[in-house]
Amino acid sequence: MQPIDGYFLYTLGSIADLRSMIDGVPVSDYALPFLRIVAVLDGFKSNEQNKRNLPDAVMRAEGLWNLIGSLM
């Protein structure tokens, strides 16, 4: 499992259309893309097969989910 790095976040942002984010604009203006990401992470981390077979990835998804939650 690779650590989360800037490229990963850039790619995630590309998929979620977050590259248009501008410094100083409230995160709440980007609520819809963030909610999509949270929904995907929630589905991933709650899947029993993922919990069993990919515990490190589930743990990291939980961390990213918490980070995004703290931004919101």
Protein backbone atom coordinates (compact mmCIF):
# COMPACT_ATOMS: atom_id res chain seq x y z
CA MET A 1 0.00 0.00 0.00
CA GLN A 2 1.40 3.35 -1.01
CA PRO A 3 1.11 6.37 1.27
CA ILE A 4 -1.18 9.22 0.34
CA ASP A 5 0.92 11.86 -1.39
CA GLY A 6 0.38 15.04 -3.36
CA TYR A 7 -0.07 13.21 -6.65
CA PHE A 8 -2.78 10.99 -5.15
CA LEU A 9 -4.62 14.02 -3.80
CA TYR A 10 -4.25 15.78 -7.16
CA THR A 11 -5.70 12.74 -8.93
CA LEU A 12 -8.51 12.45 -6.39
CA GLY A 13 -9.20 16.14 -6.88
CA SER A 14 -9.29 15.67 -10.64
CA ILE A 15 -11.84 12.90 -10.33
CA ALA A 16 -13.96 14.87 -7.89
CA ASP A 17 -13.56 18.14 -9.80
CA LEU A 18 -11.77 19.85 -6.90
CA ARG A 19 -9.00 21.36 -9.01
CA SER A 20 -11.14 24.45 -9.40
CA MET A 21 -10.81 25.17 -5.67
CA ILE A 22 -9.41 28.60 -4.94
CA ASP A 23 -7.49 29.64 -1.85
CA GLY A 24 -9.63 31.72 0.48
CA VAL A 25 -12.97 30.39 -0.78
CA PRO A 26 -14.96 28.64 1.98
CA VAL A 27 -14.90 24.85 1.82
CA SER A 28 -18.68 24.92 2.06
CA ASP A 29 -18.74 26.25 -1.52
CA TYR A 30 -17.37 22.84 -2.55
CA ALA A 31 -19.74 20.76 -0.45
CA LEU A 32 -21.11 18.64 -3.31
CA PRO A 33 -17.73 17.29 -4.52
CA PHE A 34 -16.64 16.67 -0.93
CA LEU A 35 -19.88 14.83 -0.20
CA ARG A 36 -19.23 12.59 -3.22
CA ILE A 37 -15.76 11.76 -1.93
CA VAL A 38 -17.09 11.07 1.57
CA ALA A 39 -19.76 8.75 0.12
CA VAL A 40 -17.17 6.77 -1.86
CA LEU A 41 -14.87 6.50 1.16
CA ASP A 42 -17.79 5.50 3.37
CA GLY A 43 -18.77 2.72 1.00
CA PHE A 44 -15.19 1.51 0.77
CA LYS A 45 -14.50 1.47 4.50
CA SER A 46 -17.83 -0.15 5.43
CA ASN A 47 -17.47 -3.04 2.96
CA GLU A 48 -16.85 -6.26 4.93
CA GLN A 49 -14.61 -7.75 2.25
CA ASN A 50 -12.44 -4.63 2.25
CA LYS A 51 -12.23 -4.73 6.04
CA ARG A 52 -11.10 -8.33 5.90
CA ASN A 53 -8.73 -8.17 2.92
CA LEU A 54 -7.54 -4.55 2.91
CA PRO A 55 -7.37 -3.44 6.55
CA ASP A 56 -4.59 -0.89 5.93
CA ALA A 57 -6.50 0.70 3.06
CA VAL A 58 -9.66 0.82 5.16
CA MET A 59 -7.71 2.48 7.97
CA ARG A 60 -6.32 5.08 5.56
CA ALA A 61 -9.75 5.64 4.02
CA GLU A 62 -11.05 6.26 7.55
CA GLY A 63 -8.26 8.79 8.12
CA LEU A 64 -9.03 10.60 4.87
CA TRP A 65 -12.75 10.48 5.68
CA ASN A 66 -12.02 12.10 9.06
CA LEU A 67 -9.79 14.73 7.47
CA ILE A 68 -12.42 15.73 4.96
CA GLY A 69 -15.03 15.72 7.72
CA SER A 70 -12.92 18.12 9.75
CA LEU A 71 -12.70 20.46 6.76
CA MET A 72 -16.45 20.45 6.33
